[in-house]
Amino acid sequence: MRERTGGRKGTADKMMGKAKEMVGKVTGDERLRGEGRTDQSKGKAKEAMDVVKENLHGARDSLKGKSRRKH
């Protein structure tokens, strides 16, 4: 079974990004707020890529199973 690391990395990026954004907001540091928003976006992208990969693997496995049945 495949290990799903992209989702966990994505979640960690989102959490770290949210923390940076909040610290930036409290301290008035716009650069830190921007970094936080960027990190959150990266996390969402990683999670989306994980879903795409899982779907592709599932589709590939389904096709392999179907082609074996025909022979």
N, C-alpha and C. Protein backbone atom coordinates (compact mmCIF):
# COMPACT_ATOMS: atom_id res chain seq x y z
N MET A 1 0.84 -1.18 0.00
CA MET A 1 0.00 0.00 0.00
C MET A 1 0.88 1.24 0.00
N ARG A 2 0.46 2.24 -0.72
CA ARG A 2 1.23 3.47 -0.84
C ARG A 2 1.08 4.32 0.42
N GLU A 3 2.20 4.92 0.79
CA GLU A 3 2.16 5.84 1.91
C GLU A 3 1.76 7.21 1.41
N ARG A 4 0.79 7.80 2.05
CA ARG A 4 0.30 9.12 1.63
C ARG A 4 1.00 10.19 2.44
N THR A 5 2.09 10.72 1.88
CA THR A 5 2.83 11.75 2.60
C THR A 5 2.46 13.15 2.15
N GLY A 6 1.97 13.29 0.94
CA GLY A 6 1.65 14.62 0.42
C GLY A 6 0.61 15.34 1.24
N GLY A 7 -0.39 14.59 1.71
CA GLY A 7 -1.44 15.19 2.50
C GLY A 7 -0.94 15.71 3.83
N ARG A 8 -0.07 14.93 4.46
CA ARG A 8 0.48 15.37 5.75
C ARG A 8 1.40 16.57 5.57
N LYS A 9 2.21 16.54 4.52
CA LYS A 9 3.09 17.68 4.26
C LYS A 9 2.26 18.91 3.93
N GLY A 10 1.20 18.70 3.18
CA GLY A 10 0.32 19.81 2.83
C GLY A 10 -0.35 20.41 4.05
N THR A 11 -0.79 19.54 4.95
CA THR A 11 -1.42 19.99 6.18
C THR A 11 -0.43 20.76 7.03
N ALA A 12 0.81 20.26 7.12
CA ALA A 12 1.83 20.94 7.91
C ALA A 12 2.12 22.32 7.33
N ASP A 13 2.20 22.41 6.00
CA ASP A 13 2.44 23.70 5.35
C ASP A 13 1.29 24.66 5.63
N LYS A 14 0.08 24.15 5.56
CA LYS A 14 -1.08 25.02 5.83
C LYS A 14 -1.07 25.52 7.27
N MET A 15 -0.76 24.63 8.21
CA MET A 15 -0.74 25.03 9.61
C MET A 15 0.37 26.05 9.89
N MET A 16 1.56 25.78 9.34
CA MET A 16 2.68 26.70 9.53
C MET A 16 2.36 28.05 8.88
N GLY A 17 1.75 27.99 7.71
CA GLY A 17 1.37 29.22 7.02
C GLY A 17 0.37 30.04 7.82
N LYS A 18 -0.60 29.35 8.40
CA LYS A 18 -1.61 30.04 9.20
C LYS A 18 -0.96 30.70 10.42
N ALA A 19 -0.01 29.98 11.03
CA ALA A 19 0.69 30.55 12.19
C ALA A 19 1.50 31.79 11.78
N LYS A 20 2.22 31.69 10.66
CA LYS A 20 2.99 32.85 10.19
C LYS A 20 2.07 34.02 9.89
N GLU A 21 0.96 33.73 9.25
CA GLU A 21 0.02 34.81 8.91
C GLU A 21 -0.49 35.50 10.17
N MET A 22 -0.85 34.71 11.18
CA MET A 22 -1.35 35.29 12.43
C MET A 22 -0.28 36.10 13.14
N VAL A 23 0.96 35.58 13.21
CA VAL A 23 2.04 36.33 13.86
C VAL A 23 2.29 37.62 13.09
N GLY A 24 2.29 37.53 11.78
CA GLY A 24 2.48 38.73 10.96
C GLY A 24 1.39 39.75 11.19
N LYS A 25 0.18 39.25 11.35
CA LYS A 25 -0.96 40.16 11.58
C LYS A 25 -0.81 40.86 12.94
N VAL A 26 -0.46 40.09 13.96
CA VAL A 26 -0.31 40.65 15.31
C VAL A 26 0.83 41.65 15.38
N THR A 27 1.95 41.33 14.71
CA THR A 27 3.13 42.20 14.78
C THR A 27 3.13 43.29 13.71
N GLY A 28 2.21 43.21 12.77
CA GLY A 28 2.17 44.21 11.71
C GLY A 28 3.19 43.95 10.61
N ASP A 29 3.72 42.74 10.55
CA ASP A 29 4.74 42.37 9.57
C ASP A 29 4.05 41.82 8.31
N GLU A 30 3.90 42.68 7.31
CA GLU A 30 3.20 42.29 6.08
C GLU A 30 3.95 41.21 5.32
N ARG A 31 5.29 41.24 5.39
CA ARG A 31 6.08 40.22 4.70
C ARG A 31 5.78 38.84 5.28
N LEU A 32 5.73 38.75 6.60
CA LEU A 32 5.45 37.48 7.27
C LEU A 32 4.02 37.01 6.95
N ARG A 33 3.10 37.94 6.92
CA ARG A 33 1.72 37.59 6.55
C ARG A 33 1.68 37.01 5.14
N GLY A 34 2.42 37.63 4.23
CA GLY A 34 2.48 37.15 2.85
C GLY A 34 3.10 35.76 2.76
N GLU A 35 4.17 35.55 3.53
CA GLU A 35 4.79 34.22 3.56
C GLU A 35 3.79 33.18 4.06
N GLY A 36 3.04 33.56 5.06
CA GLY A 36 2.04 32.65 5.61
C GLY A 36 0.99 32.28 4.58
N ARG A 37 0.52 33.25 3.85
CA ARG A 37 -0.49 32.97 2.81
C ARG A 37 0.11 32.09 1.72
N THR A 38 1.39 32.35 1.39
CA THR A 38 2.06 31.53 0.38
C THR A 38 2.20 30.09 0.86
N ASP A 39 2.60 29.91 2.10
CA ASP A 39 2.73 28.56 2.65
C ASP A 39 1.39 27.83 2.65
N GLN A 40 0.33 28.54 2.98
CA GLN A 40 -0.99 27.92 2.97
C GLN A 40 -1.37 27.47 1.55
N SER A 41 -1.06 28.29 0.58
CA SER A 41 -1.35 27.94 -0.81
C SER A 41 -0.54 26.72 -1.24
N LYS A 42 0.73 26.67 -0.83
CA LYS A 42 1.57 25.51 -1.15
C LYS A 42 0.97 24.25 -0.53
N GLY A 43 0.51 24.36 0.69
CA GLY A 43 -0.09 23.21 1.36
C GLY A 43 -1.33 22.71 0.64
N LYS A 44 -2.16 23.64 0.21
CA LYS A 44 -3.37 23.25 -0.54
C LYS A 44 -2.99 22.58 -1.86
N ALA A 45 -1.96 23.10 -2.51
CA ALA A 45 -1.50 22.51 -3.77
C ALA A 45 -0.97 21.09 -3.55
N LYS A 46 -0.21 20.89 -2.48
CA LYS A 46 0.32 19.56 -2.18
C LYS A 46 -0.81 18.58 -1.92
N GLU A 47 -1.82 19.02 -1.19
CA GLU A 47 -2.96 18.15 -0.92
C GLU A 47 -3.70 17.80 -2.21
N ALA A 48 -3.86 18.78 -3.08
CA ALA A 48 -4.54 18.54 -4.35
C ALA A 48 -3.74 17.56 -5.21
N MET A 49 -2.42 17.72 -5.23
CA MET A 49 -1.58 16.80 -6.00
C MET A 49 -1.66 15.38 -5.44
N ASP A 50 -1.77 15.26 -4.14
CA ASP A 50 -1.90 13.95 -3.52
C ASP A 50 -3.18 13.27 -3.98
N VAL A 51 -4.26 14.03 -4.04
CA VAL A 51 -5.53 13.48 -4.50
C VAL A 51 -5.44 13.04 -5.96
N VAL A 52 -4.82 13.87 -6.79
CA VAL A 52 -4.65 13.54 -8.21
C VAL A 52 -3.84 12.26 -8.36
N LYS A 53 -2.72 12.16 -7.64
CA LYS A 53 -1.88 10.97 -7.71
C LYS A 53 -2.66 9.72 -7.31
N GLU A 54 -3.40 9.82 -6.22
CA GLU A 54 -4.18 8.67 -5.76
C GLU A 54 -5.21 8.25 -6.81
N ASN A 55 -5.86 9.24 -7.41
CA ASN A 55 -6.86 8.93 -8.44
C ASN A 55 -6.21 8.29 -9.66
N LEU A 56 -5.04 8.78 -10.05
CA LEU A 56 -4.33 8.19 -11.19
C LEU A 56 -3.90 6.76 -10.89
N HIS A 57 -3.42 6.53 -9.69
CA HIS A 57 -3.02 5.17 -9.32
C HIS A 57 -4.24 4.25 -9.33
N GLY A 58 -5.35 4.74 -8.82
CA GLY A 58 -6.57 3.94 -8.82
C GLY A 58 -7.05 3.62 -10.22
N ALA A 59 -6.98 4.62 -11.10
CA ALA A 59 -7.39 4.40 -12.49
C ALA A 59 -6.46 3.41 -13.17
N ARG A 60 -5.16 3.55 -12.93
CA ARG A 60 -4.19 2.62 -13.51
C ARG A 60 -4.44 1.20 -13.02
N ASP A 61 -4.67 1.05 -11.72
CA ASP A 61 -4.92 -0.27 -11.17
C ASP A 61 -6.20 -0.87 -11.73
N SER A 62 -7.22 -0.03 -11.92
CA SER A 62 -8.47 -0.51 -12.50
C SER A 62 -8.27 -0.99 -13.93
N LEU A 63 -7.50 -0.25 -14.70
CA LEU A 63 -7.24 -0.63 -16.08
C LEU A 63 -6.43 -1.92 -16.15
N LYS A 64 -5.48 -2.07 -15.27
CA LYS A 64 -4.70 -3.31 -15.23
C LYS A 64 -5.60 -4.49 -14.91
N GLY A 65 -6.48 -4.31 -13.99
CA GLY A 65 -7.40 -5.38 -13.61
C GLY A 65 -8.32 -5.76 -14.75
N LYS A 66 -8.80 -4.79 -15.50
CA LYS A 66 -9.70 -5.05 -16.63
C LYS A 66 -8.97 -5.75 -17.76
N SER A 67 -7.73 -5.33 -18.04
CA SER A 67 -7.01 -5.94 -19.14
C SER A 67 -6.66 -7.39 -18.83
N ARG A 68 -6.42 -7.71 -17.57
CA ARG A 68 -6.14 -9.10 -17.18
C ARG A 68 -7.36 -9.98 -17.36
N ARG A 69 -8.53 -9.46 -17.10
CA ARG A 69 -9.76 -10.24 -17.23
C ARG A 69 -10.05 -10.61 -18.67
N LYS A 70 -9.66 -9.75 -19.61
CA LYS A 70 -9.95 -10.01 -21.02
C LYS A 70 -9.12 -11.16 -21.57
N HIS A 71 -7.93 -11.39 -21.00
CA HIS A 71 -7.04 -12.41 -21.56
C HIS A 71 -7.30 -13.72 -20.98
